[in-house]
Amino acid sequence: MVKPNLLVTYDPAHENSAKLEVEQLLKSVREKVTFLKSNEGVFNLRTKDSRKVVRKLTNLCEKYPYQFNKTFKYIPIDKWSKSSVKNMQRAVKSLAKDIKDKESWMMSVKKRSHRMSERSLILRLTEHVDKPKVDLFNPDKIIKVELIGKEAGFALLNDKEYLRTNKFKQ
């Protein structure tokens, strides 16, 4: 089964116009994606290089932020696992190996249809990151965790590889 490597969040009340927006934005940066089965408020996409797509869209958003009216976040995903704590800890541990000791980091967790509290989940996952420099405001690396029901997507990103459209609309 093909897994998504790019998640796009949107207002579920505007799914059709959000999908049209994504298609138009991707066309303008000359990128192709496949829409996979999506969840409410999240498009699951498959593309050749999700980080490249997000970098291009970030550059576009910096210049023309109001072309991003219906979509909010563009998140590359490197790997998927079951959403049990043990499986997620293993995934986080493998990503943390790529954080250099000199680099600062933070963890961002977004959960949908998952019963564990975000706070306790972050505590359980960060205990497996043995890196000294935590920075919650301007980290070099972000361990991104996206829980969607029984699955969790993970990525180790820098600021340019994770697009938050509202950041450019202020």
C-alpha atoms as a PDB file:
ATOM      1  CA  MET A   1       0.000   0.000   0.000  1.00  0.00           C
ATOM      2  CA  VAL A   2       1.361   3.419  -0.992  1.00  0.00           C
ATOM      3  CA  LYS A   3       1.788   5.760   1.968  1.00  0.00           C
ATOM      4  CA  PRO A   4       1.547   9.534   1.756  1.00  0.00           C
ATOM      5  CA  ASN A   5       4.760  11.520   2.001  1.00  0.00           C
ATOM      6  CA  LEU A   6       3.094  14.936   2.181  1.00  0.00           C
ATOM      7  CA  LEU A   7       0.237  16.045   4.426  1.00  0.00           C
ATOM      8  CA  VAL A   8      -1.708  19.245   3.778  1.00  0.00           C
ATOM      9  CA  THR A   9      -4.092  20.605   6.391  1.00  0.00           C
ATOM     10  CA  TYR A  10      -7.190  22.587   5.464  1.00  0.00           C
ATOM     11  CA  ASP A  11     -10.555  23.710   6.802  1.00  0.00           C
ATOM     12  CA  PRO A  12     -12.843  20.658   6.422  1.00  0.00           C
ATOM     13  CA  ALA A  13     -15.779  22.953   5.656  1.00  0.00           C
ATOM     14  CA  HIS A  14     -13.992  23.943   2.422  1.00  0.00           C
ATOM     15  CA  GLU A  15     -12.621  20.610   1.188  1.00  0.00           C
ATOM     16  CA  ASN A  16     -13.396  21.093  -2.522  1.00  0.00           C
ATOM     17  CA  SER A  17     -11.973  24.603  -2.739  1.00  0.00           C
ATOM     18  CA  ALA A  18      -8.941  23.537  -0.665  1.00  0.00           C
ATOM     19  CA  LYS A  19      -8.263  20.658  -3.060  1.00  0.00           C
ATOM     20  CA  LEU A  20      -8.544  23.020  -6.007  1.00  0.00           C
ATOM     21  CA  GLU A  21      -6.139  25.414  -4.281  1.00  0.00           C
ATOM     22  CA  VAL A  22      -3.579  22.621  -3.746  1.00  0.00           C
ATOM     23  CA  GLU A  23      -3.856  21.558  -7.388  1.00  0.00           C
ATOM     24  CA  GLN A  24      -3.388  25.133  -8.626  1.00  0.00           C
ATOM     25  CA  LEU A  25      -0.444  25.822  -6.304  1.00  0.00           C
ATOM     26  CA  LEU A  26       1.310  22.620  -7.334  1.00  0.00           C
ATOM     27  CA  LYS A  27       0.745  23.394 -10.988  1.00  0.00           C
ATOM     28  CA  SER A  28       2.264  26.862 -10.504  1.00  0.00           C
ATOM     29  CA  VAL A  29       5.473  25.325  -9.079  1.00  0.00           C
ATOM     30  CA  ARG A  30       5.455  22.566 -11.728  1.00  0.00           C
ATOM     31  CA  GLU A  31       5.037  19.660  -9.327  1.00  0.00           C
ATOM     32  CA  LYS A  32       2.820  16.616  -9.608  1.00  0.00           C
ATOM     33  CA  VAL A  33       1.201  14.786  -6.725  1.00  0.00           C
ATOM     34  CA  THR A  34      -1.291  12.011  -6.272  1.00  0.00           C
ATOM     35  CA  PHE A  35      -4.153  12.525  -3.852  1.00  0.00           C
ATOM     36  CA  LEU A  36      -4.584   9.445  -1.671  1.00  0.00           C
ATOM     37  CA  LYS A  37      -7.462   8.669   0.660  1.00  0.00           C
ATOM     38  CA  SER A  38      -7.655  11.686   2.960  1.00  0.00           C
ATOM     39  CA  ASN A  39      -8.891  12.269   6.484  1.00  0.00           C
ATOM     40  CA  GLU A  40     -11.134  15.111   7.535  1.00  0.00           C
ATOM     41  CA  GLY A  41      -9.030  18.256   7.425  1.00  0.00           C
ATOM     42  CA  VAL A  42      -5.906  16.552   6.034  1.00  0.00           C
ATOM     43  CA  PHE A  43      -5.059  15.721   2.433  1.00  0.00           C
ATOM     44  CA  ASN A  44      -2.749  12.717   2.105  1.00  0.00           C
ATOM     45  CA  LEU A  45      -0.533  13.222  -0.929  1.00  0.00           C
ATOM     46  CA  ARG A  46       2.202  11.252  -2.639  1.00  0.00           C
ATOM     47  CA  THR A  47       4.926  13.032  -4.584  1.00  0.00           C
ATOM     48  CA  LYS A  48       8.399  12.230  -5.813  1.00  0.00           C
ATOM     49  CA  ASP A  49      10.170  14.618  -3.397  1.00  0.00           C
ATOM     50  CA  SER A  50       7.952  16.132  -0.721  1.00  0.00           C
ATOM     51  CA  ARG A  51      10.705  18.339   0.722  1.00  0.00           C
ATOM     52  CA  LYS A  52      11.399  19.884  -2.667  1.00  0.00           C
ATOM     53  CA  VAL A  53       7.675  20.539  -3.119  1.00  0.00           C
ATOM     54  CA  VAL A  54       7.447  22.224   0.287  1.00  0.00           C
ATOM     55  CA  ARG A  55      10.534  24.378  -0.366  1.00  0.00           C
ATOM     56  CA  LYS A  56       9.011  25.583  -3.647  1.00  0.00           C
ATOM     57  CA  LEU A  57       5.666  26.275  -1.982  1.00  0.00           C
ATOM     58  CA  THR A  58       7.403  28.115   0.876  1.00  0.00           C
ATOM     59  CA  ASN A  59       9.113  30.414  -1.632  1.00  0.00           C
ATOM     60  CA  LEU A  60       5.759  30.996  -3.338  1.00  0.00           C
ATOM     61  CA  CYS A  61       4.043  31.674  -0.012  1.00  0.00           C
ATOM     62  CA  GLU A  62       6.723  34.212   0.951  1.00  0.00           C
ATOM     63  CA  LYS A  63       5.949  36.187  -2.223  1.00  0.00           C
ATOM     64  CA  TYR A  64       2.195  35.591  -2.507  1.00  0.00           C
ATOM     65  CA  PRO A  65       0.834  34.514   0.885  1.00  0.00           C
ATOM     66  CA  TYR A  66      -2.812  35.132  -0.005  1.00  0.00           C
ATOM     67  CA  GLN A  67      -2.766  32.444  -2.697  1.00  0.00           C
ATOM     68  CA  PHE A  68      -2.904  30.104   0.309  1.00  0.00           C
ATOM     69  CA  ASN A  69      -6.456  30.847   1.464  1.00  0.00           C
ATOM     70  CA  LYS A  70      -7.843  27.396   2.240  1.00  0.00           C
ATOM     71  CA  THR A  71      -4.717  25.438   3.190  1.00  0.00           C
ATOM     72  CA  PHE A  72      -2.677  25.889   6.343  1.00  0.00           C
ATOM     73  CA  LYS A  73       0.257  23.488   6.724  1.00  0.00           C
ATOM     74  CA  TYR A  74       2.343  21.443   4.290  1.00  0.00           C
ATOM     75  CA  ILE A  75       4.200  18.686   6.123  1.00  0.00           C
ATOM     76  CA  PRO A  76       6.631  16.207   4.525  1.00  0.00           C
ATOM     77  CA  ILE A  77       6.571  12.731   6.078  1.00  0.00           C
ATOM     78  CA  ASP A  78       9.674  10.503   6.084  1.00  0.00           C
ATOM     79  CA  LYS A  79       8.297   7.380   7.745  1.00  0.00           C
ATOM     80  CA  TRP A  80       5.138   5.813   9.117  1.00  0.00           C
ATOM     81  CA  SER A  81       4.548   3.507  12.061  1.00  0.00           C
ATOM     82  CA  LYS A  82       1.688   2.190  14.136  1.00  0.00           C
ATOM     83  CA  SER A  83       0.597   4.748  16.726  1.00  0.00           C
ATOM     84  CA  SER A  84       1.474   2.616  19.748  1.00  0.00           C
ATOM     85  CA  VAL A  85       3.886   4.373  22.092  1.00  0.00           C
ATOM     86  CA  LYS A  86       6.612   1.718  21.607  1.00  0.00           C
ATOM     87  CA  ASN A  87       6.515   2.000  17.798  1.00  0.00           C
ATOM     88  CA  MET A  88       6.520   5.796  17.940  1.00  0.00           C
ATOM     89  CA  GLN A  89       9.437   5.818  20.395  1.00  0.00           C
ATOM     90  CA  ARG A  90      11.431   3.666  17.982  1.00  0.00           C
ATOM     91  CA  ALA A  91      10.665   6.009  15.076  1.00  0.00           C
ATOM     92  CA  VAL A  92      11.616   9.114  17.086  1.00  0.00           C
ATOM     93  CA  LYS A  93      14.847   7.474  18.262  1.00  0.00           C
ATOM     94  CA  SER A  94      15.864   6.693  14.668  1.00  0.00           C
ATOM     95  CA  LEU A  95      15.182  10.300  13.582  1.00  0.00           C
ATOM     96  CA  ALA A  96      17.045  11.755  16.563  1.00  0.00           C
ATOM     97  CA  LYS A  97      20.265  10.080  15.380  1.00  0.00           C
ATOM     98  CA  ASP A  98      20.368  12.670  12.585  1.00  0.00           C
ATOM     99  CA  ILE A  99      20.391  15.637  14.980  1.00  0.00           C
ATOM    100  CA  LYS A 100      23.953  16.772  15.597  1.00  0.00           C
ATOM    101  CA  ASP A 101      24.947  17.611  19.184  1.00  0.00           C
ATOM    102  CA  LYS A 102      25.518  21.253  18.158  1.00  0.00           C
ATOM    103  CA  GLU A 103      22.006  21.552  16.692  1.00  0.00           C
ATOM    104  CA  SER A 104      19.000  22.682  18.661  1.00  0.00           C
ATOM    105  CA  TRP A 105      15.747  20.782  18.305  1.00  0.00           C
ATOM    106  CA  MET A 106      12.115  20.614  19.318  1.00  0.00           C
ATOM    107  CA  MET A 107       9.274  18.153  18.924  1.00  0.00           C
ATOM    108  CA  SER A 108       5.916  19.062  17.442  1.00  0.00           C
ATOM    109  CA  VAL A 109       3.041  16.617  17.875  1.00  0.00           C
ATOM    110  CA  LYS A 110      -0.366  16.906  16.247  1.00  0.00           C
ATOM    111  CA  LYS A 111      -2.894  14.210  16.987  1.00  0.00           C
ATOM    112  CA  ARG A 112      -6.181  13.349  15.363  1.00  0.00           C
ATOM    113  CA  SER A 113      -8.446  10.494  16.470  1.00  0.00           C
ATOM    114  CA  HIS A 114      -5.996   9.353  19.145  1.00  0.00           C
ATOM    115  CA  ARG A 115      -6.871   9.063  22.825  1.00  0.00           C
ATOM    116  CA  MET A 116      -3.544   9.779  24.551  1.00  0.00           C
ATOM    117  CA  SER A 117      -3.037  13.379  25.713  1.00  0.00           C
ATOM    118  CA  GLU A 118      -0.576  15.452  23.713  1.00  0.00           C
ATOM    119  CA  ARG A 119       1.412  16.389  26.812  1.00  0.00           C
ATOM    120  CA  SER A 120       1.973  12.822  28.015  1.00  0.00           C
ATOM    121  CA  LEU A 121       2.732  11.708  24.484  1.00  0.00           C
ATOM    122  CA  ILE A 122       5.417  14.370  24.083  1.00  0.00           C
ATOM    123  CA  LEU A 123       6.946  13.355  27.427  1.00  0.00           C
ATOM    124  CA  ARG A 124       7.018   9.672  26.423  1.00  0.00           C
ATOM    125  CA  LEU A 125       8.568  10.429  23.015  1.00  0.00           C
ATOM    126  CA  THR A 126      11.137  13.064  23.997  1.00  0.00           C
ATOM    127  CA  GLU A 127      12.661  10.797  26.644  1.00  0.00           C
ATOM    128  CA  HIS A 128      14.201   8.888  23.724  1.00  0.00           C
ATOM    129  CA  VAL A 129      15.934  11.930  22.261  1.00  0.00           C
ATOM    130  CA  ASP A 130      19.373  12.170  23.822  1.00  0.00           C
ATOM    131  CA  LYS A 131      20.337  15.584  22.438  1.00  0.00           C
ATOM    132  CA  PRO A 132      21.282  18.448  24.754  1.00  0.00           C
ATOM    133  CA  LYS A 133      19.997  21.602  22.999  1.00  0.00           C
ATOM    134  CA  VAL A 134      16.226  22.034  23.152  1.00  0.00           C
ATOM    135  CA  ASP A 135      14.855  25.250  21.614  1.00  0.00           C
ATOM    136  CA  LEU A 136      11.085  25.668  21.456  1.00  0.00           C
ATOM    137  CA  PHE A 137      11.173  28.954  19.520  1.00  0.00           C
ATOM    138  CA  ASN A 138      13.903  28.766  16.881  1.00  0.00           C
ATOM    139  CA  PRO A 139      15.220  25.188  16.586  1.00  0.00           C
ATOM    140  CA  ASP A 140      17.619  23.958  13.919  1.00  0.00           C
ATOM    141  CA  LYS A 141      15.591  20.721  13.618  1.00  0.00           C
ATOM    142  CA  ILE A 142      11.960  19.845  14.251  1.00  0.00           C
ATOM    143  CA  ILE A 143      10.886  16.298  15.004  1.00  0.00           C
ATOM    144  CA  LYS A 144       7.405  16.375  13.498  1.00  0.00           C
ATOM    145  CA  VAL A 145       4.915  13.746  14.652  1.00  0.00           C
ATOM    146  CA  GLU A 146       1.508  13.531  12.961  1.00  0.00           C
ATOM    147  CA  LEU A 147      -0.856  11.022  14.580  1.00  0.00           C
ATOM    148  CA  ILE A 148      -3.838  10.020  12.506  1.00  0.00           C
ATOM    149  CA  GLY A 149      -5.797   7.297  14.250  1.00  0.00           C
ATOM    150  CA  LYS A 150      -3.818   4.060  14.320  1.00  0.00           C
ATOM    151  CA  GLU A 151      -0.876   5.414  12.338  1.00  0.00           C
ATOM    152  CA  ALA A 152       1.759   8.050  12.951  1.00  0.00           C
ATOM    153  CA  GLY A 153       3.867   9.917  10.410  1.00  0.00           C
ATOM    154  CA  PHE A 154       7.317  11.267  11.292  1.00  0.00           C
ATOM    155  CA  ALA A 155       9.812  13.683   9.809  1.00  0.00           C
ATOM    156  CA  LEU A 156      12.976  15.487  10.859  1.00  0.00           C
ATOM    157  CA  LEU A 157      12.689  18.938   9.312  1.00  0.00           C
ATOM    158  CA  ASN A 158      14.346  22.308   9.231  1.00  0.00           C
ATOM    159  CA  ASP A 159      12.258  25.487   9.145  1.00  0.00           C
ATOM    160  CA  LYS A 160      12.167  25.706   5.306  1.00  0.00           C
ATOM    161  CA  GLU A 161      10.870  22.126   4.976  1.00  0.00           C
ATOM    162  CA  TYR A 162       7.706  22.705   6.993  1.00  0.00           C
ATOM    163  CA  LEU A 163       5.304  25.311   5.601  1.00  0.00           C
ATOM    164  CA  ARG A 164       2.917  27.107   7.936  1.00  0.00           C
ATOM    165  CA  THR A 165       1.051  29.520   5.672  1.00  0.00           C
ATOM    166  CA  ASN A 166      -0.211  31.765   8.515  1.00  0.00           C
ATOM    167  CA  LYS A 167       3.405  32.647   9.295  1.00  0.00           C
ATOM    168  CA  PHE A 168       3.545  34.658   6.059  1.00  0.00           C
ATOM    169  CA  LYS A 169       0.118  36.292   6.336  1.00  0.00           C
ATOM    170  CA  GLN A 170       1.005  38.462   9.351  1.00  0.00           C
END
